[in-house]
């Protein structure tokens, strides 16, 4: 069994972990708001212009992203204990691919729900309670926020992939302990990556 040796306190202080946790929390708020107030209590019809697809699509992508986000948090926690470089590549590639694609899906969701809310009649809006309207509008705004959060996670995964590739080519990069069978019998660790993006970038996964 894989058991992480890092402390929980140090783990939650990592920028990538904070970003993942914030994203996961917002995703939970999105699908909770829709499931609680997004459907008419009596008929179950979506309140975004009576378009069932708007509510179902939002809940669907948010729930999937929520559980995948939890999986990536776990992967980040155990990252230092994963010694197989191929496994690490798969994790980082999945991170990049998923968040890049979900960035697009949330952009579609933002446009879709904003347009459905615009088309909802004023009479229908007036018939809604204040909390219901707030939840629906909040969900639209949070969908837009998720576009940027997903883009940020995809960018950090892309930078991590570059670091790993540069490390393998001898250009520096991923801070890792060496692995058996490396080209030329190399078993030492990769030098730490020092590149910065506006002075804010840190290696996403490594401690």
Protein backbone atom coordinates (compact mmCIF):
# COMPACT_ATOMS: atom_id res chain seq x y z
CA UNK A 1 0.00 0.00 0.00
CA UNK A 2 1.15 3.54 -0.74
CA UNK A 3 1.38 5.69 2.37
CA UNK A 4 2.41 9.33 2.11
CA UNK A 5 5.15 10.48 4.47
CA UNK A 6 4.38 14.21 4.24
CA UNK A 7 2.44 16.00 6.95
CA UNK A 8 -1.10 17.13 6.27
CA UNK A 9 -0.22 20.67 7.31
CA UNK A 10 2.54 20.95 4.72
CA UNK A 11 0.33 19.36 2.09
CA UNK A 12 -2.59 21.79 2.41
CA UNK A 13 -0.21 24.76 2.18
CA UNK A 14 0.85 23.87 -1.36
CA UNK A 15 -0.56 26.35 -3.92
CA UNK A 16 -1.73 23.55 -6.20
CA UNK A 17 -3.60 21.90 -3.33
CA UNK A 18 -5.24 25.17 -2.30
CA UNK A 19 -6.30 25.71 -5.92
CA UNK A 20 -7.72 22.19 -6.19
CA UNK A 21 -9.61 22.51 -2.91
CA UNK A 22 -11.09 25.88 -3.84
CA UNK A 23 -12.15 24.48 -7.22
CA UNK A 24 -13.70 21.39 -5.64
CA UNK A 25 -15.60 23.51 -3.12
CA UNK A 26 -17.00 25.77 -5.85
CA UNK A 27 -18.04 22.73 -7.89
CA UNK A 28 -19.94 21.43 -4.88
CA UNK A 29 -21.69 24.79 -4.54
CA UNK A 30 -22.67 24.74 -8.22
CA UNK A 31 -24.43 21.39 -8.28
CA UNK A 32 -25.88 21.94 -4.80
CA UNK A 33 -27.48 25.24 -5.84
CA UNK A 34 -29.03 23.67 -8.94
CA UNK A 35 -30.27 20.56 -7.16
CA UNK A 36 -31.72 22.65 -4.34
CA UNK A 37 -33.29 25.58 -6.21
CA UNK A 38 -32.75 25.01 -9.92
CA UNK A 39 -35.86 22.90 -10.48
CA UNK A 40 -39.45 23.87 -9.82
CA UNK A 41 -40.60 22.10 -6.65
CA UNK A 42 -43.97 21.06 -8.05
CA UNK A 43 -43.05 20.02 -11.59
CA UNK A 44 -39.29 19.39 -11.52
CA UNK A 45 -38.85 21.64 -14.56
CA UNK A 46 -35.60 23.57 -14.82
CA UNK A 47 -36.07 27.25 -14.02
CA UNK A 48 -33.59 28.37 -16.67
CA UNK A 49 -36.27 29.21 -19.23
CA UNK A 50 -37.85 25.78 -18.63
CA UNK A 51 -34.86 24.24 -20.41
CA UNK A 52 -34.16 20.93 -18.72
CA UNK A 53 -30.83 20.62 -20.48
CA UNK A 54 -29.43 23.72 -18.80
CA UNK A 55 -29.85 22.28 -15.31
CA UNK A 56 -28.90 18.73 -16.21
CA UNK A 57 -25.77 19.78 -18.09
CA UNK A 58 -24.60 22.02 -15.24
CA UNK A 59 -25.16 19.38 -12.59
CA UNK A 60 -23.55 16.69 -14.74
CA UNK A 61 -20.26 18.42 -15.46
CA UNK A 62 -20.01 19.80 -11.93
CA UNK A 63 -20.53 16.42 -10.26
CA UNK A 64 -18.03 14.69 -12.54
CA UNK A 65 -15.45 17.45 -12.02
CA UNK A 66 -16.03 17.30 -8.25
CA UNK A 67 -15.20 13.61 -7.95
CA UNK A 68 -12.32 13.81 -10.42
CA UNK A 69 -11.01 16.78 -8.43
CA UNK A 70 -11.01 14.68 -5.27
CA UNK A 71 -9.06 12.00 -7.12
CA UNK A 72 -6.44 14.52 -8.22
CA UNK A 73 -6.14 15.84 -4.67
CA UNK A 74 -5.41 12.28 -3.56
CA UNK A 75 -2.91 11.89 -6.42
CA UNK A 76 -1.15 15.07 -5.35
CA UNK A 77 -1.00 13.86 -1.75
CA UNK A 78 0.68 10.59 -2.72
CA UNK A 79 2.78 12.12 -5.52
CA UNK A 80 6.12 11.89 -3.71
CA UNK A 81 5.54 8.19 -3.09
CA UNK A 82 4.83 7.37 -6.74
CA UNK A 83 8.26 6.37 -8.06
CA UNK A 84 7.30 5.04 -11.48
CA UNK A 85 7.97 7.85 -14.02
CA UNK A 86 5.48 6.38 -16.50
CA UNK A 87 2.71 6.47 -13.90
CA UNK A 88 3.59 10.06 -13.12
CA UNK A 89 3.39 10.98 -16.80
CA UNK A 90 -0.05 9.42 -17.09
CA UNK A 91 -1.29 11.32 -14.04
CA UNK A 92 0.01 14.67 -15.31
CA UNK A 93 -1.30 14.04 -18.83
CA UNK A 94 -4.73 13.13 -17.41
CA UNK A 95 -4.62 16.29 -15.30
CA UNK A 96 -3.87 18.42 -18.35
CA UNK A 97 -6.39 16.73 -20.63
CA UNK A 98 -9.24 16.71 -18.12
CA UNK A 99 -8.96 20.29 -16.94
CA UNK A 100 -8.35 21.60 -20.43
CA UNK A 101 -11.49 19.89 -21.68
CA UNK A 102 -13.56 20.88 -18.64
CA UNK A 103 -12.45 24.48 -19.08
CA UNK A 104 -14.19 24.36 -22.45
CA UNK A 105 -17.25 22.61 -21.01
CA UNK A 106 -17.68 25.25 -18.31
CA UNK A 107 -17.34 28.00 -20.88
CA UNK A 108 -20.17 26.36 -22.81
CA UNK A 109 -22.12 26.03 -19.56
CA UNK A 110 -21.65 29.71 -18.72
CA UNK A 111 -22.85 30.81 -22.16
CA UNK A 112 -25.74 28.35 -22.13
CA UNK A 113 -27.11 29.16 -18.67
CA UNK A 114 -26.56 32.91 -19.08
CA UNK A 115 -28.51 32.82 -22.33
CA UNK A 116 -31.31 30.72 -20.79
CA UNK A 117 -31.53 33.12 -17.84
CA UNK A 118 -31.72 36.07 -20.24
CA UNK A 119 -34.56 34.37 -22.10
CA UNK A 120 -36.47 33.56 -18.93
CA UNK A 121 -39.52 35.82 -18.78
CA UNK A 122 -39.69 38.56 -16.19
CA UNK A 123 -42.96 37.07 -14.98
CA UNK A 124 -41.23 33.77 -14.26
CA UNK A 125 -38.39 35.56 -12.48
CA UNK A 126 -40.83 37.56 -10.36
CA UNK A 127 -42.56 34.34 -9.34
CA UNK A 128 -39.31 32.92 -8.00
CA UNK A 129 -38.23 33.47 -4.44
CA UNK A 130 -35.27 35.69 -3.71
CA UNK A 131 -33.08 32.75 -2.71
CA UNK A 132 -33.99 30.85 -5.87
CA UNK A 133 -33.01 33.75 -8.12
CA UNK A 134 -29.79 34.27 -6.18
CA UNK A 135 -28.85 30.59 -6.54
CA UNK A 136 -29.47 30.59 -10.27
CA UNK A 137 -27.48 33.78 -10.82
CA UNK A 138 -24.72 32.59 -8.49
CA UNK A 139 -24.41 29.37 -10.49
CA UNK A 140 -23.91 31.34 -13.72
CA UNK A 141 -21.14 33.42 -12.15
CA UNK A 142 -19.45 30.36 -10.65
CA UNK A 143 -19.50 28.62 -14.04
CA UNK A 144 -17.44 31.52 -15.37
CA UNK A 145 -15.11 31.32 -12.37
CA UNK A 146 -14.62 27.62 -13.08
CA UNK A 147 -13.45 28.45 -16.60
CA UNK A 148 -10.48 30.29 -15.12
CA UNK A 149 -9.88 27.73 -12.37
CA UNK A 150 -9.85 24.86 -14.86
CA UNK A 151 -7.54 26.84 -17.14
CA UNK A 152 -5.16 27.48 -14.24
CA UNK A 153 -5.08 23.78 -13.32
CA UNK A 154 -4.49 22.82 -16.95
CA UNK A 155 -1.66 25.36 -17.19
CA UNK A 156 0.04 24.02 -14.05
CA UNK A 157 -0.25 20.47 -15.41
CA UNK A 158 1.27 21.63 -18.70
CA UNK A 159 4.18 23.25 -16.85
CA UNK A 160 4.65 20.08 -14.84
CA UNK A 161 4.76 18.01 -18.02
CA UNK A 162 7.37 20.34 -19.47
CA UNK A 163 9.45 20.02 -16.31
CA UNK A 164 9.35 16.24 -16.50
CA UNK A 165 10.31 16.22 -20.18
CA UNK A 166 13.12 18.70 -19.60
CA UNK A 167 14.38 16.63 -16.70
CA UNK A 168 14.54 13.50 -18.83
CA UNK A 169 16.41 15.35 -21.57
CA UNK A 170 19.00 16.67 -19.14
CA UNK A 171 17.73 20.26 -19.21
CA UNK A 172 16.66 20.31 -15.58
CA UNK A 173 13.12 20.22 -14.36
CA UNK A 174 11.24 17.85 -12.18
CA UNK A 175 12.60 17.40 -8.68
CA UNK A 176 12.63 13.64 -8.41
CA UNK A 177 14.76 10.90 -7.02
CA UNK A 178 16.48 8.87 -9.68
CA UNK A 179 15.01 5.68 -11.07
CA UNK A 180 16.61 2.44 -12.09
CA UNK A 181 17.12 1.88 -15.77
CA UNK A 182 17.56 5.54 -16.64
CA UNK A 183 19.52 6.30 -19.85
CA UNK A 184 23.24 6.00 -19.30
CA UNK A 185 22.71 4.42 -15.92
CA UNK A 186 21.77 7.74 -14.38
CA UNK A 187 20.34 7.32 -10.90
CA UNK A 188 20.67 10.78 -9.40
CA UNK A 189 17.84 13.19 -8.82
CA UNK A 190 16.76 15.79 -11.34
CA UNK A 191 17.83 19.33 -10.46
CA UNK A 192 15.02 21.51 -9.15
CA UNK A 193 13.15 23.65 -11.62
CA UNK A 194 13.84 27.38 -11.15
CA UNK A 195 11.74 28.89 -13.92
CA UNK A 196 9.01 31.21 -12.73
CA UNK A 197 5.92 32.75 -14.27
CA UNK A 198 5.57 36.19 -12.83
CA UNK A 199 7.42 34.98 -9.72
CA UNK A 200 4.39 32.91 -8.68
CA UNK A 201 4.94 29.52 -10.29
CA UNK A 202 5.92 26.57 -8.14
CA UNK A 203 6.12 22.94 -9.09
CA UNK A 204 2.52 21.77 -8.75
CA UNK A 205 2.99 18.27 -7.41
CA UNK A 206 6.30 18.09 -5.64
CA UNK A 207 6.76 19.34 -2.12
